[in-house]
Amino acid sequence: MLYFQKFKGLSKPIPPSPPLKVVGFVWLGGFLAAVVVGFLAFFTKQPLV
């Protein structure tokens, strides 16, 4: 039943947000990964699904 108590909002408080530097690195990594996949799809003439 402890699992269902989380739906009520009675669990632990929300953890603190990560530092802005970490958020920036994660955003940059995701962006670069999308760019690489996009260029690979473009040069190989394969559609992105």
N, C-alpha and C. Protein backbone atom coordinates (compact mmCIF):
# COMPACT_ATOMS: atom_id res chain seq x y z
N MET A 1 0.82 -1.21 0.00
CA MET A 1 0.00 0.00 0.00
C MET A 1 0.85 1.26 0.00
N LEU A 2 2.10 1.13 0.32
CA LEU A 2 2.97 2.30 0.34
C LEU A 2 3.11 2.90 -1.05
N TYR A 3 3.02 2.04 -2.06
CA TYR A 3 3.13 2.52 -3.44
C TYR A 3 1.99 3.47 -3.77
N PHE A 4 0.78 3.15 -3.36
CA PHE A 4 -0.39 3.96 -3.69
C PHE A 4 -0.44 5.25 -2.89
N GLN A 5 0.25 5.33 -1.76
CA GLN A 5 0.29 6.57 -1.00
C GLN A 5 1.05 7.66 -1.74
N LYS A 6 1.92 7.27 -2.65
CA LYS A 6 2.65 8.25 -3.45
C LYS A 6 1.70 9.05 -4.34
N PHE A 7 0.61 8.41 -4.78
CA PHE A 7 -0.35 9.11 -5.63
C PHE A 7 -1.07 10.21 -4.87
N LYS A 8 -1.14 10.09 -3.57
CA LYS A 8 -1.80 11.11 -2.75
C LYS A 8 -0.89 12.30 -2.50
N GLY A 9 0.37 12.14 -2.76
CA GLY A 9 1.31 13.22 -2.51
C GLY A 9 1.84 13.22 -1.10
N LEU A 10 1.75 12.09 -0.42
CA LEU A 10 2.18 12.01 0.97
C LEU A 10 3.59 11.46 1.12
N SER A 11 4.28 11.29 0.02
CA SER A 11 5.62 10.72 0.10
C SER A 11 6.64 11.81 0.45
N LYS A 12 7.87 11.51 0.24
CA LYS A 12 8.95 12.43 0.58
C LYS A 12 8.86 13.71 -0.24
N PRO A 13 9.47 14.79 0.23
CA PRO A 13 9.42 16.04 -0.54
C PRO A 13 10.19 15.91 -1.86
N ILE A 14 9.93 16.83 -2.76
CA ILE A 14 10.56 16.84 -4.07
C ILE A 14 12.06 17.10 -3.89
N PRO A 15 12.90 16.33 -4.59
CA PRO A 15 14.34 16.56 -4.46
C PRO A 15 14.73 17.90 -5.08
N PRO A 16 15.85 18.46 -4.67
CA PRO A 16 16.27 19.75 -5.23
C PRO A 16 16.61 19.62 -6.71
N SER A 17 16.44 20.70 -7.43
CA SER A 17 16.75 20.67 -8.86
C SER A 17 18.26 20.64 -9.06
N PRO A 18 18.71 20.02 -10.16
CA PRO A 18 20.16 19.93 -10.40
C PRO A 18 20.73 21.31 -10.76
N PRO A 19 22.02 21.47 -10.59
CA PRO A 19 22.66 22.75 -10.94
C PRO A 19 22.48 23.06 -12.43
N LEU A 20 22.50 24.33 -12.75
CA LEU A 20 22.31 24.78 -14.11
C LEU A 20 23.40 24.25 -15.04
N LYS A 21 24.60 24.08 -14.54
CA LYS A 21 25.70 23.56 -15.34
C LYS A 21 25.39 22.13 -15.81
N VAL A 22 24.84 21.32 -14.94
CA VAL A 22 24.50 19.94 -15.29
C VAL A 22 23.37 19.93 -16.32
N VAL A 23 22.38 20.78 -16.14
CA VAL A 23 21.27 20.87 -17.09
C VAL A 23 21.79 21.29 -18.46
N GLY A 24 22.74 22.21 -18.49
CA GLY A 24 23.32 22.65 -19.75
C GLY A 24 24.08 21.54 -20.47
N PHE A 25 24.85 20.75 -19.73
CA PHE A 25 25.59 19.64 -20.34
C PHE A 25 24.63 18.58 -20.88
N VAL A 26 23.58 18.30 -20.15
CA VAL A 26 22.60 17.32 -20.62
C VAL A 26 21.90 17.82 -21.88
N TRP A 27 21.53 19.09 -21.89
CA TRP A 27 20.89 19.67 -23.07
C TRP A 27 21.83 19.62 -24.27
N LEU A 28 23.08 19.99 -24.06
CA LEU A 28 24.06 19.98 -25.15
C LEU A 28 24.28 18.57 -25.68
N GLY A 29 24.38 17.59 -24.81
CA GLY A 29 24.56 16.21 -25.24
C GLY A 29 23.37 15.71 -26.04
N GLY A 30 22.17 16.01 -25.60
CA GLY A 30 20.98 15.61 -26.34
C GLY A 30 20.89 16.28 -27.70
N PHE A 31 21.23 17.56 -27.73
CA PHE A 31 21.21 18.31 -28.99
C PHE A 31 22.23 17.75 -29.97
N LEU A 32 23.44 17.49 -29.51
CA LEU A 32 24.47 16.95 -30.39
C LEU A 32 24.11 15.55 -30.89
N ALA A 33 23.50 14.75 -30.05
CA ALA A 33 23.07 13.42 -30.48
C ALA A 33 22.02 13.52 -31.57
N ALA A 34 21.07 14.45 -31.43
CA ALA A 34 20.04 14.63 -32.44
C ALA A 34 20.65 15.14 -33.75
N VAL A 35 21.63 16.01 -33.66
CA VAL A 35 22.29 16.53 -34.86
C VAL A 35 23.04 15.42 -35.59
N VAL A 36 23.74 14.60 -34.85
CA VAL A 36 24.49 13.50 -35.47
C VAL A 36 23.54 12.53 -36.16
N VAL A 37 22.45 12.16 -35.50
CA VAL A 37 21.48 11.25 -36.11
C VAL A 37 20.84 11.89 -37.34
N GLY A 38 20.55 13.17 -37.27
CA GLY A 38 19.99 13.86 -38.41
C GLY A 38 20.93 13.90 -39.60
N PHE A 39 22.19 14.20 -39.35
CA PHE A 39 23.16 14.22 -40.45
C PHE A 39 23.38 12.82 -41.02
N LEU A 40 23.41 11.80 -40.18
CA LEU A 40 23.55 10.44 -40.69
C LEU A 40 22.36 10.07 -41.57
N ALA A 41 21.17 10.46 -41.16
CA ALA A 41 19.99 10.17 -41.97
C ALA A 41 20.04 10.94 -43.28
N PHE A 42 20.52 12.15 -43.25
CA PHE A 42 20.60 12.97 -44.46
C PHE A 42 21.61 12.41 -45.46
N PHE A 43 22.80 12.08 -44.97
CA PHE A 43 23.84 11.61 -45.87
C PHE A 43 23.60 10.20 -46.38
N THR A 44 22.93 9.37 -45.63
CA THR A 44 22.65 8.01 -46.08
C THR A 44 21.33 7.93 -46.83
N LYS A 45 20.61 9.04 -46.93
CA LYS A 45 19.33 9.12 -47.62
C LYS A 45 18.29 8.15 -47.03
N GLN A 46 18.38 7.92 -45.73
CA GLN A 46 17.43 7.06 -45.02
C GLN A 46 16.50 7.94 -44.20
N PRO A 47 15.20 7.66 -44.23
CA PRO A 47 14.28 8.50 -43.46
C PRO A 47 14.39 8.22 -41.96
N LEU A 48 14.17 9.26 -41.20
CA LEU A 48 14.12 9.09 -39.75
C LEU A 48 12.73 8.60 -39.36
N VAL A 49 12.69 7.61 -38.53
CA VAL A 49 11.39 7.09 -38.09
C VAL A 49 11.20 7.46 -36.64
